[in-house]
Amino acid sequence: MSDKIKHFPRGQERRERLNLRKYRVPCQITGRWLQFPQTAHALAGGDFMTIDVMTLGADDNERKVCELVLTKQDLIRMIAQVTTSA
C-alpha cells in the first residue's frame, strides 16, 4: 500500500457549489464577494435582506467592506431586466 496521497484539484464547479452553500456570490475579478443571509425578514413592502460586501484583509481574515439593505423582490426584478451582450 502506498503512503502517498493523491489530491485531486478542486474544480470551478465545486468551488461555486461550496460558495452557494455558504450564501456567497464571488466577484469574478477581485477577491471580494457578496455574503447573503440565510433568511430574509418579511416587512411591509418586501422581504428585506442585509447583504455584506466582503473581502480578505491583509491578515487573510474575512473583512466586511460595507453592507446593503435590499429587498429580495428588487434583486429578482433587476436580474430579470439585465440583458446579456454577444
N, C-alpha and C. Protein backbone atom coordinates (compact mmCIF):
# COMPACT_ATOMS: atom_id res chain seq x y z
N MET A 1 0.83 -1.18 0.00
CA MET A 1 0.00 0.00 0.00
C MET A 1 0.88 1.24 0.00
N SER A 2 0.55 2.17 -0.84
CA SER A 2 1.35 3.38 -0.98
C SER A 2 1.00 4.38 0.13
N ASP A 3 2.03 5.05 0.63
CA ASP A 3 1.79 6.05 1.66
C ASP A 3 1.59 7.44 1.06
N LYS A 4 1.59 7.50 -0.27
CA LYS A 4 1.36 8.78 -0.94
C LYS A 4 -0.13 8.98 -1.14
N ILE A 5 -0.59 10.17 -0.82
CA ILE A 5 -2.00 10.51 -1.00
C ILE A 5 -2.11 11.37 -2.24
N LYS A 6 -2.97 10.98 -3.12
CA LYS A 6 -3.16 11.73 -4.36
C LYS A 6 -4.32 12.71 -4.17
N HIS A 7 -4.03 13.99 -4.29
CA HIS A 7 -5.06 15.02 -4.15
C HIS A 7 -5.57 15.42 -5.53
N PHE A 8 -6.86 15.48 -5.65
CA PHE A 8 -7.46 15.90 -6.90
C PHE A 8 -7.68 17.41 -6.87
N PRO A 9 -7.44 18.09 -7.98
CA PRO A 9 -7.66 19.54 -7.99
C PRO A 9 -9.14 19.86 -7.80
N ARG A 10 -9.40 20.91 -7.09
CA ARG A 10 -10.78 21.33 -6.89
C ARG A 10 -11.21 22.13 -8.12
N GLY A 11 -12.27 21.69 -8.73
CA GLY A 11 -12.75 22.34 -9.93
C GLY A 11 -13.57 23.59 -9.64
N GLN A 12 -13.75 24.39 -10.66
CA GLN A 12 -14.52 25.63 -10.56
C GLN A 12 -15.96 25.34 -10.14
N GLU A 13 -16.56 24.29 -10.69
CA GLU A 13 -17.94 23.94 -10.34
C GLU A 13 -18.08 23.63 -8.86
N ARG A 14 -17.15 22.88 -8.34
CA ARG A 14 -17.20 22.52 -6.92
C ARG A 14 -17.08 23.76 -6.05
N ARG A 15 -16.16 24.65 -6.41
CA ARG A 15 -15.96 25.89 -5.66
C ARG A 15 -17.24 26.73 -5.67
N GLU A 16 -17.90 26.80 -6.82
CA GLU A 16 -19.14 27.56 -6.92
C GLU A 16 -20.24 26.95 -6.06
N ARG A 17 -20.35 25.63 -6.05
CA ARG A 17 -21.35 24.97 -5.20
C ARG A 17 -21.09 25.23 -3.73
N LEU A 18 -19.82 25.18 -3.33
CA LEU A 18 -19.49 25.44 -1.93
C LEU A 18 -19.80 26.88 -1.56
N ASN A 19 -19.52 27.82 -2.45
CA ASN A 19 -19.83 29.22 -2.18
C ASN A 19 -21.32 29.43 -2.01
N LEU A 20 -22.13 28.79 -2.86
CA LEU A 20 -23.57 28.95 -2.76
C LEU A 20 -24.08 28.36 -1.45
N ARG A 21 -23.49 27.28 -0.99
CA ARG A 21 -23.88 26.70 0.30
C ARG A 21 -23.57 27.66 1.44
N LYS A 22 -22.54 28.45 1.27
CA LYS A 22 -22.16 29.43 2.29
C LYS A 22 -22.85 30.77 2.06
N TYR A 23 -23.80 30.81 1.11
CA TYR A 23 -24.55 32.02 0.77
C TYR A 23 -23.62 33.12 0.25
N ARG A 24 -22.65 32.73 -0.56
CA ARG A 24 -21.69 33.67 -1.13
C ARG A 24 -21.83 33.73 -2.64
N VAL A 25 -21.64 34.93 -3.18
CA VAL A 25 -21.54 35.10 -4.63
C VAL A 25 -20.24 35.84 -4.87
N PRO A 26 -19.23 35.16 -5.46
CA PRO A 26 -17.91 35.77 -5.61
C PRO A 26 -17.82 36.72 -6.80
N CYS A 27 -16.98 37.72 -6.66
CA CYS A 27 -16.63 38.59 -7.79
C CYS A 27 -15.72 37.78 -8.70
N GLN A 28 -15.90 37.91 -10.00
CA GLN A 28 -15.11 37.15 -10.97
C GLN A 28 -13.73 37.76 -11.21
N ILE A 29 -13.47 38.97 -10.67
CA ILE A 29 -12.20 39.65 -10.91
C ILE A 29 -11.41 39.87 -9.64
N THR A 30 -12.07 40.34 -8.59
CA THR A 30 -11.37 40.64 -7.35
C THR A 30 -11.60 39.51 -6.34
N GLY A 31 -11.01 39.61 -5.20
CA GLY A 31 -11.20 38.64 -4.14
C GLY A 31 -12.40 38.95 -3.26
N ARG A 32 -13.29 39.81 -3.73
CA ARG A 32 -14.46 40.18 -2.94
C ARG A 32 -15.63 39.27 -3.23
N TRP A 33 -16.63 39.29 -2.35
CA TRP A 33 -17.84 38.51 -2.57
C TRP A 33 -19.01 39.15 -1.83
N LEU A 34 -20.22 38.80 -2.26
CA LEU A 34 -21.43 39.20 -1.55
C LEU A 34 -21.79 38.07 -0.60
N GLN A 35 -22.05 38.42 0.63
CA GLN A 35 -22.45 37.44 1.64
C GLN A 35 -23.93 37.66 1.94
N PHE A 36 -24.76 36.69 1.53
CA PHE A 36 -26.21 36.79 1.72
C PHE A 36 -26.62 36.15 3.04
N PRO A 37 -27.71 36.64 3.63
CA PRO A 37 -28.23 36.00 4.84
C PRO A 37 -28.95 34.70 4.49
N GLN A 38 -29.14 33.85 5.47
CA GLN A 38 -29.88 32.61 5.24
C GLN A 38 -31.37 32.88 5.11
N THR A 39 -31.85 33.93 5.77
CA THR A 39 -33.27 34.26 5.70
C THR A 39 -33.46 35.74 5.48
N ALA A 40 -34.55 36.09 4.81
CA ALA A 40 -34.93 37.48 4.62
C ALA A 40 -36.01 37.81 5.65
N HIS A 41 -36.09 39.07 6.02
CA HIS A 41 -37.08 39.49 7.02
C HIS A 41 -38.28 40.10 6.31
N ALA A 42 -39.43 39.48 6.46
CA ALA A 42 -40.65 39.94 5.81
C ALA A 42 -41.20 41.15 6.57
N LEU A 43 -41.23 42.28 5.90
CA LEU A 43 -41.81 43.51 6.44
C LEU A 43 -42.72 44.09 5.37
N ALA A 44 -43.54 45.05 5.75
CA ALA A 44 -44.41 45.69 4.75
C ALA A 44 -43.53 46.28 3.66
N GLY A 45 -43.81 45.93 2.42
CA GLY A 45 -43.03 46.46 1.30
C GLY A 45 -42.03 45.47 0.73
N GLY A 46 -41.81 44.34 1.38
CA GLY A 46 -40.89 43.38 0.79
C GLY A 46 -40.18 42.52 1.81
N ASP A 47 -39.37 41.63 1.30
CA ASP A 47 -38.54 40.74 2.11
C ASP A 47 -37.14 41.36 2.17
N PHE A 48 -36.81 41.99 3.28
CA PHE A 48 -35.57 42.73 3.40
C PHE A 48 -34.42 41.81 3.79
N MET A 49 -33.25 42.08 3.18
CA MET A 49 -32.03 41.32 3.46
C MET A 49 -30.88 42.29 3.67
N THR A 50 -30.03 41.96 4.62
CA THR A 50 -28.78 42.69 4.78
C THR A 50 -27.71 41.88 4.07
N ILE A 51 -27.15 42.45 3.00
CA ILE A 51 -26.14 41.77 2.19
C ILE A 51 -24.80 42.45 2.46
N ASP A 52 -23.82 41.67 2.88
CA ASP A 52 -22.50 42.21 3.20
C ASP A 52 -21.58 42.09 1.99
N VAL A 53 -20.81 43.15 1.73
CA VAL A 53 -19.75 43.11 0.73
C VAL A 53 -18.48 42.78 1.50
N MET A 54 -17.88 41.63 1.17
CA MET A 54 -16.76 41.09 1.94
C MET A 54 -15.47 41.04 1.12
N THR A 55 -14.35 41.01 1.83
CA THR A 55 -13.05 40.86 1.22
C THR A 55 -12.12 40.18 2.22
N LEU A 56 -10.95 39.81 1.77
CA LEU A 56 -9.93 39.29 2.69
C LEU A 56 -9.02 40.45 3.06
N GLY A 57 -8.77 40.60 4.35
CA GLY A 57 -7.88 41.65 4.81
C GLY A 57 -6.42 41.26 4.61
N ALA A 58 -5.53 42.16 5.01
CA ALA A 58 -4.09 41.92 4.88
C ALA A 58 -3.66 40.70 5.69
N ASP A 59 -4.42 40.39 6.76
CA ASP A 59 -4.10 39.23 7.60
C ASP A 59 -4.81 37.96 7.15
N ASP A 60 -5.41 37.98 5.93
CA ASP A 60 -6.14 36.86 5.34
C ASP A 60 -7.40 36.47 6.13
N ASN A 61 -7.89 37.37 6.96
CA ASN A 61 -9.16 37.16 7.64
C ASN A 61 -10.26 37.88 6.87
N GLU A 62 -11.47 37.32 6.91
CA GLU A 62 -12.59 37.95 6.23
C GLU A 62 -12.88 39.30 6.88
N ARG A 63 -13.20 40.29 6.01
CA ARG A 63 -13.47 41.63 6.50
C ARG A 63 -14.66 42.20 5.73
N LYS A 64 -15.59 42.82 6.45
CA LYS A 64 -16.75 43.42 5.80
C LYS A 64 -16.39 44.81 5.31
N VAL A 65 -16.60 45.07 4.00
CA VAL A 65 -16.34 46.38 3.42
C VAL A 65 -17.52 47.30 3.72
N CYS A 66 -18.73 46.82 3.46
CA CYS A 66 -19.95 47.57 3.75
C CYS A 66 -21.13 46.61 3.71
N GLU A 67 -22.30 47.12 4.04
CA GLU A 67 -23.49 46.30 3.95
C GLU A 67 -24.57 47.04 3.19
N LEU A 68 -25.41 46.27 2.50
CA LEU A 68 -26.51 46.80 1.73
C LEU A 68 -27.79 46.20 2.28
N VAL A 69 -28.82 47.02 2.43
CA VAL A 69 -30.12 46.50 2.83
C VAL A 69 -31.01 46.60 1.60
N LEU A 70 -31.36 45.44 1.04
CA LEU A 70 -32.10 45.35 -0.21
C LEU A 70 -33.29 44.43 -0.02
N THR A 71 -34.26 44.56 -0.93
CA THR A 71 -35.36 43.60 -0.89
C THR A 71 -35.10 42.50 -1.90
N LYS A 72 -35.54 41.33 -1.56
CA LYS A 72 -35.41 40.18 -2.45
C LYS A 72 -36.14 40.45 -3.76
N GLN A 73 -37.30 41.09 -3.67
CA GLN A 73 -38.10 41.39 -4.86
C GLN A 73 -37.35 42.34 -5.80
N ASP A 74 -36.69 43.37 -5.25
CA ASP A 74 -35.92 44.29 -6.10
C ASP A 74 -34.78 43.58 -6.81
N LEU A 75 -34.09 42.70 -6.12
CA LEU A 75 -32.99 41.95 -6.74
C LEU A 75 -33.50 41.07 -7.89
N ILE A 76 -34.60 40.37 -7.65
CA ILE A 76 -35.16 39.50 -8.70
C ILE A 76 -35.59 40.32 -9.91
N ARG A 77 -36.25 41.45 -9.67
CA ARG A 77 -36.69 42.31 -10.79
C ARG A 77 -35.50 42.85 -11.58
N MET A 78 -34.45 43.26 -10.87
CA MET A 78 -33.28 43.82 -11.55
C MET A 78 -32.57 42.76 -12.38
N ILE A 79 -32.40 41.57 -11.85
CA ILE A 79 -31.74 40.49 -12.59
C ILE A 79 -32.54 40.14 -13.85
N ALA A 80 -33.86 40.17 -13.74
CA ALA A 80 -34.70 39.86 -14.90
C ALA A 80 -34.54 40.92 -16.00
N GLN A 81 -34.20 42.15 -15.64
CA GLN A 81 -34.05 43.23 -16.63
C GLN A 81 -32.69 43.24 -17.33
N VAL A 82 -31.71 42.65 -16.71
CA VAL A 82 -30.36 42.69 -17.27
C VAL A 82 -30.26 41.76 -18.47
N THR A 83 -29.77 42.31 -19.58
CA THR A 83 -29.63 41.51 -20.80
C THR A 83 -28.16 41.09 -20.95
N THR A 84 -27.93 40.07 -21.72
CA THR A 84 -26.58 39.58 -21.98
C THR A 84 -26.17 40.00 -23.37
N SER A 85 -24.99 40.62 -23.47
CA SER A 85 -24.49 41.04 -24.78
C SER A 85 -23.76 39.88 -25.45
N ALA A 86 -23.60 40.02 -26.75
CA ALA A 86 -22.93 38.95 -27.51
C ALA A 86 -21.44 39.00 -27.33
